[in-house]
Amino acid sequence: ILIIIETIRLFIRPLALGVRLTANLTAGHLLIQLTSTAVLALLPTIITLSILTIIILLLLTILELAVAIIQAYVFVLLISLYLQENT
């Protein structure tokens, strides 16, 4: 029974890593989508607040790019550790 449990663990770890990666990237995209919707809603009424929101949107885009780079690094690092452990 221990062999079955270890085999399941080998398949679950990379799958859980992929789910975590997807959730982190999706959260950033949703935040950018909500902010851009706020820009479109505020543009006709309050121009100064809309410009401030556009600046925040640009900063969020830079942050999302940094998060994507870090997530890719962590993904490759953990996959290589998982493969070293199992070979």
N, C-alpha and C. Protein backbone atom coordinates (compact mmCIF):
# COMPACT_ATOMS: atom_id res chain seq x y z
N ILE A 1 0.83 -1.20 0.00
CA ILE A 1 0.00 0.00 0.00
C ILE A 1 0.87 1.26 0.00
N LEU A 2 2.06 1.17 0.55
CA LEU A 2 2.97 2.32 0.59
C LEU A 2 3.41 2.72 -0.82
N ILE A 3 3.56 1.75 -1.69
CA ILE A 3 3.94 2.04 -3.08
C ILE A 3 2.84 2.83 -3.78
N ILE A 4 1.61 2.48 -3.53
CA ILE A 4 0.49 3.20 -4.14
C ILE A 4 0.43 4.64 -3.63
N ILE A 5 0.62 4.83 -2.34
CA ILE A 5 0.59 6.18 -1.76
C ILE A 5 1.72 7.03 -2.32
N GLU A 6 2.92 6.48 -2.43
CA GLU A 6 4.06 7.22 -2.98
C GLU A 6 3.85 7.57 -4.45
N THR A 7 3.26 6.65 -5.20
CA THR A 7 2.98 6.92 -6.61
C THR A 7 1.97 8.04 -6.76
N ILE A 8 0.94 8.04 -5.95
CA ILE A 8 -0.05 9.12 -5.99
C ILE A 8 0.60 10.45 -5.61
N ARG A 9 1.48 10.42 -4.61
CA ARG A 9 2.17 11.64 -4.19
C ARG A 9 3.04 12.20 -5.32
N LEU A 10 3.67 11.33 -6.08
CA LEU A 10 4.51 11.78 -7.19
C LEU A 10 3.70 12.51 -8.25
N PHE A 11 2.46 12.09 -8.46
CA PHE A 11 1.63 12.76 -9.46
C PHE A 11 0.92 14.00 -8.91
N ILE A 12 0.63 14.01 -7.63
CA ILE A 12 -0.11 15.11 -7.03
C ILE A 12 0.76 16.36 -6.85
N ARG A 13 2.03 16.20 -6.50
CA ARG A 13 2.88 17.37 -6.23
C ARG A 13 3.01 18.31 -7.42
N PRO A 14 3.35 17.83 -8.63
CA PRO A 14 3.39 18.77 -9.76
C PRO A 14 2.01 19.34 -10.12
N LEU A 15 0.97 18.54 -9.92
CA LEU A 15 -0.38 19.04 -10.19
C LEU A 15 -0.74 20.17 -9.23
N ALA A 16 -0.42 20.02 -7.96
CA ALA A 16 -0.67 21.08 -6.98
C ALA A 16 0.16 22.32 -7.29
N LEU A 17 1.37 22.12 -7.77
CA LEU A 17 2.22 23.24 -8.16
C LEU A 17 1.60 23.99 -9.34
N GLY A 18 1.06 23.28 -10.30
CA GLY A 18 0.40 23.92 -11.43
C GLY A 18 -0.84 24.69 -11.03
N VAL A 19 -1.61 24.15 -10.09
CA VAL A 19 -2.81 24.83 -9.61
C VAL A 19 -2.43 26.12 -8.89
N ARG A 20 -1.36 26.08 -8.08
CA ARG A 20 -0.91 27.28 -7.37
C ARG A 20 -0.45 28.34 -8.36
N LEU A 21 0.29 27.92 -9.36
CA LEU A 21 0.77 28.84 -10.39
C LEU A 21 -0.39 29.48 -11.14
N THR A 22 -1.37 28.69 -11.51
CA THR A 22 -2.53 29.20 -12.22
C THR A 22 -3.33 30.19 -11.36
N ALA A 23 -3.49 29.87 -10.09
CA ALA A 23 -4.25 30.75 -9.20
C ALA A 23 -3.54 32.09 -9.02
N ASN A 24 -2.23 32.07 -8.86
CA ASN A 24 -1.48 33.32 -8.68
C ASN A 24 -1.55 34.20 -9.91
N LEU A 25 -1.41 33.61 -11.09
CA LEU A 25 -1.45 34.40 -12.31
C LEU A 25 -2.86 34.90 -12.60
N THR A 26 -3.87 34.08 -12.32
CA THR A 26 -5.25 34.49 -12.55
C THR A 26 -5.66 35.64 -11.63
N ALA A 27 -5.20 35.63 -10.40
CA ALA A 27 -5.52 36.71 -9.47
C ALA A 27 -4.98 38.04 -9.97
N GLY A 28 -3.77 38.05 -10.49
CA GLY A 28 -3.21 39.29 -11.03
C GLY A 28 -3.97 39.78 -12.24
N HIS A 29 -4.36 38.86 -13.12
CA HIS A 29 -5.11 39.26 -14.30
C HIS A 29 -6.49 39.82 -13.92
N LEU A 30 -7.12 39.23 -12.93
CA LEU A 30 -8.42 39.74 -12.49
C LEU A 30 -8.30 41.13 -11.89
N LEU A 31 -7.24 41.37 -11.13
CA LEU A 31 -7.03 42.70 -10.56
C LEU A 31 -6.81 43.74 -11.64
N ILE A 32 -6.05 43.39 -12.67
CA ILE A 32 -5.84 44.31 -13.79
C ILE A 32 -7.15 44.55 -14.53
N GLN A 33 -7.95 43.52 -14.72
CA GLN A 33 -9.24 43.67 -15.40
C GLN A 33 -10.18 44.59 -14.62
N LEU A 34 -10.23 44.41 -13.31
CA LEU A 34 -11.10 45.26 -12.49
C LEU A 34 -10.63 46.72 -12.51
N THR A 35 -9.32 46.93 -12.48
CA THR A 35 -8.80 48.29 -12.50
C THR A 35 -9.06 48.95 -13.86
N SER A 36 -8.89 48.21 -14.93
CA SER A 36 -9.16 48.80 -16.25
C SER A 36 -10.65 49.09 -16.44
N THR A 37 -11.51 48.29 -15.85
CA THR A 37 -12.94 48.58 -15.90
C THR A 37 -13.25 49.85 -15.12
N ALA A 38 -12.56 50.05 -14.00
CA ALA A 38 -12.74 51.28 -13.23
C ALA A 38 -12.28 52.50 -14.03
N VAL A 39 -11.20 52.35 -14.79
CA VAL A 39 -10.73 53.46 -15.63
C VAL A 39 -11.79 53.82 -16.66
N LEU A 40 -12.37 52.82 -17.30
CA LEU A 40 -13.40 53.09 -18.31
C LEU A 40 -14.65 53.72 -17.69
N ALA A 41 -14.97 53.33 -16.48
CA ALA A 41 -16.16 53.90 -15.82
C ALA A 41 -15.91 55.33 -15.36
N LEU A 42 -14.68 55.63 -14.92
CA LEU A 42 -14.38 56.96 -14.38
C LEU A 42 -13.99 57.97 -15.45
N LEU A 43 -13.60 57.53 -16.62
CA LEU A 43 -13.09 58.43 -17.64
C LEU A 43 -14.07 59.54 -18.03
N PRO A 44 -15.34 59.25 -18.26
CA PRO A 44 -16.23 60.35 -18.65
C PRO A 44 -16.54 61.33 -17.51
N THR A 45 -16.44 60.89 -16.27
CA THR A 45 -16.90 61.73 -15.16
C THR A 45 -15.74 62.47 -14.48
N ILE A 46 -14.77 61.74 -13.97
CA ILE A 46 -13.69 62.35 -13.19
C ILE A 46 -12.37 62.06 -13.89
N ILE A 47 -11.86 63.04 -14.59
CA ILE A 47 -10.66 62.83 -15.42
C ILE A 47 -9.41 62.66 -14.54
N THR A 48 -9.28 63.45 -13.49
CA THR A 48 -8.05 63.36 -12.67
C THR A 48 -7.95 62.02 -11.96
N LEU A 49 -9.07 61.55 -11.43
CA LEU A 49 -9.08 60.24 -10.78
C LEU A 49 -8.83 59.13 -11.80
N SER A 50 -9.31 59.32 -13.00
CA SER A 50 -9.08 58.34 -14.06
C SER A 50 -7.60 58.27 -14.43
N ILE A 51 -6.93 59.41 -14.49
CA ILE A 51 -5.49 59.41 -14.79
C ILE A 51 -4.71 58.73 -13.67
N LEU A 52 -5.10 58.98 -12.43
CA LEU A 52 -4.46 58.31 -11.29
C LEU A 52 -4.68 56.80 -11.37
N THR A 53 -5.86 56.38 -11.77
CA THR A 53 -6.16 54.95 -11.89
C THR A 53 -5.36 54.33 -13.03
N ILE A 54 -5.13 55.08 -14.11
CA ILE A 54 -4.30 54.57 -15.21
C ILE A 54 -2.86 54.36 -14.74
N ILE A 55 -2.36 55.27 -13.91
CA ILE A 55 -1.00 55.11 -13.36
C ILE A 55 -0.94 53.86 -12.48
N ILE A 56 -1.97 53.66 -11.67
CA ILE A 56 -2.03 52.46 -10.84
C ILE A 56 -2.10 51.21 -11.72
N LEU A 57 -2.83 51.29 -12.82
CA LEU A 57 -2.92 50.17 -13.75
C LEU A 57 -1.57 49.84 -14.36
N LEU A 58 -0.80 50.84 -14.71
CA LEU A 58 0.54 50.61 -15.25
C LEU A 58 1.45 49.96 -14.20
N LEU A 59 1.35 50.42 -12.96
CA LEU A 59 2.15 49.82 -11.89
C LEU A 59 1.73 48.37 -11.63
N LEU A 60 0.44 48.11 -11.71
CA LEU A 60 -0.03 46.72 -11.56
C LEU A 60 0.48 45.83 -12.68
N THR A 61 0.57 46.38 -13.88
CA THR A 61 1.08 45.60 -15.01
C THR A 61 2.55 45.25 -14.79
N ILE A 62 3.33 46.20 -14.29
CA ILE A 62 4.73 45.92 -13.99
C ILE A 62 4.83 44.88 -12.88
N LEU A 63 3.99 45.01 -11.87
CA LEU A 63 3.98 44.02 -10.78
C LEU A 63 3.60 42.64 -11.30
N GLU A 64 2.63 42.58 -12.20
CA GLU A 64 2.21 41.29 -12.76
C GLU A 64 3.34 40.66 -13.57
N LEU A 65 4.10 41.46 -14.27
CA LEU A 65 5.25 40.94 -15.01
C LEU A 65 6.29 40.37 -14.06
N ALA A 66 6.54 41.07 -12.96
CA ALA A 66 7.50 40.57 -11.97
C ALA A 66 6.99 39.28 -11.33
N VAL A 67 5.71 39.22 -11.04
CA VAL A 67 5.13 38.01 -10.44
C VAL A 67 5.25 36.84 -11.42
N ALA A 68 5.03 37.09 -12.70
CA ALA A 68 5.13 36.02 -13.70
C ALA A 68 6.56 35.49 -13.77
N ILE A 69 7.54 36.37 -13.70
CA ILE A 69 8.94 35.93 -13.73
C ILE A 69 9.27 35.10 -12.49
N ILE A 70 8.83 35.57 -11.34
CA ILE A 70 9.10 34.84 -10.09
C ILE A 70 8.39 33.49 -10.09
N GLN A 71 7.14 33.47 -10.55
CA GLN A 71 6.39 32.20 -10.60
C GLN A 71 7.05 31.20 -11.55
N ALA A 72 7.55 31.68 -12.67
CA ALA A 72 8.24 30.79 -13.60
C ALA A 72 9.52 30.23 -12.96
N TYR A 73 10.25 31.07 -12.24
CA TYR A 73 11.46 30.61 -11.57
C TYR A 73 11.14 29.56 -10.51
N VAL A 74 10.13 29.83 -9.70
CA VAL A 74 9.74 28.88 -8.65
C VAL A 74 9.25 27.58 -9.26
N PHE A 75 8.49 27.66 -10.34
CA PHE A 75 7.98 26.46 -10.99
C PHE A 75 9.12 25.59 -11.49
N VAL A 76 10.08 26.18 -12.19
CA VAL A 76 11.22 25.41 -12.71
C VAL A 76 12.05 24.85 -11.58
N LEU A 77 12.28 25.64 -10.54
CA LEU A 77 13.07 25.18 -9.40
C LEU A 77 12.41 23.99 -8.70
N LEU A 78 11.12 24.09 -8.44
CA LEU A 78 10.44 23.00 -7.74
C LEU A 78 10.31 21.76 -8.61
N ILE A 79 10.05 21.92 -9.89
CA ILE A 79 9.99 20.75 -10.77
C ILE A 79 11.34 20.05 -10.82
N SER A 80 12.43 20.83 -10.89
CA SER A 80 13.75 20.19 -10.92
C SER A 80 14.04 19.49 -9.60
N LEU A 81 13.60 20.08 -8.48
CA LEU A 81 13.79 19.40 -7.20
C LEU A 81 12.96 18.12 -7.12
N TYR A 82 11.74 18.15 -7.63
CA TYR A 82 10.90 16.97 -7.62
C TYR A 82 11.52 15.86 -8.47
N LEU A 83 12.07 16.24 -9.62
CA LEU A 83 12.67 15.24 -10.50
C LEU A 83 13.96 14.67 -9.91
N GLN A 84 14.75 15.51 -9.25
CA GLN A 84 15.98 15.01 -8.61
C GLN A 84 15.64 14.05 -7.48
N GLU A 85 14.59 14.34 -6.77
CA GLU A 85 14.19 13.50 -5.65
C GLU A 85 13.75 12.12 -6.12
N ASN A 86 13.20 12.04 -7.30
CA ASN A 86 12.59 10.80 -7.77
C ASN A 86 13.47 10.00 -8.74
N THR A 87 14.64 10.51 -9.08
CA THR A 87 15.50 9.76 -10.00
C THR A 87 16.70 9.20 -9.28
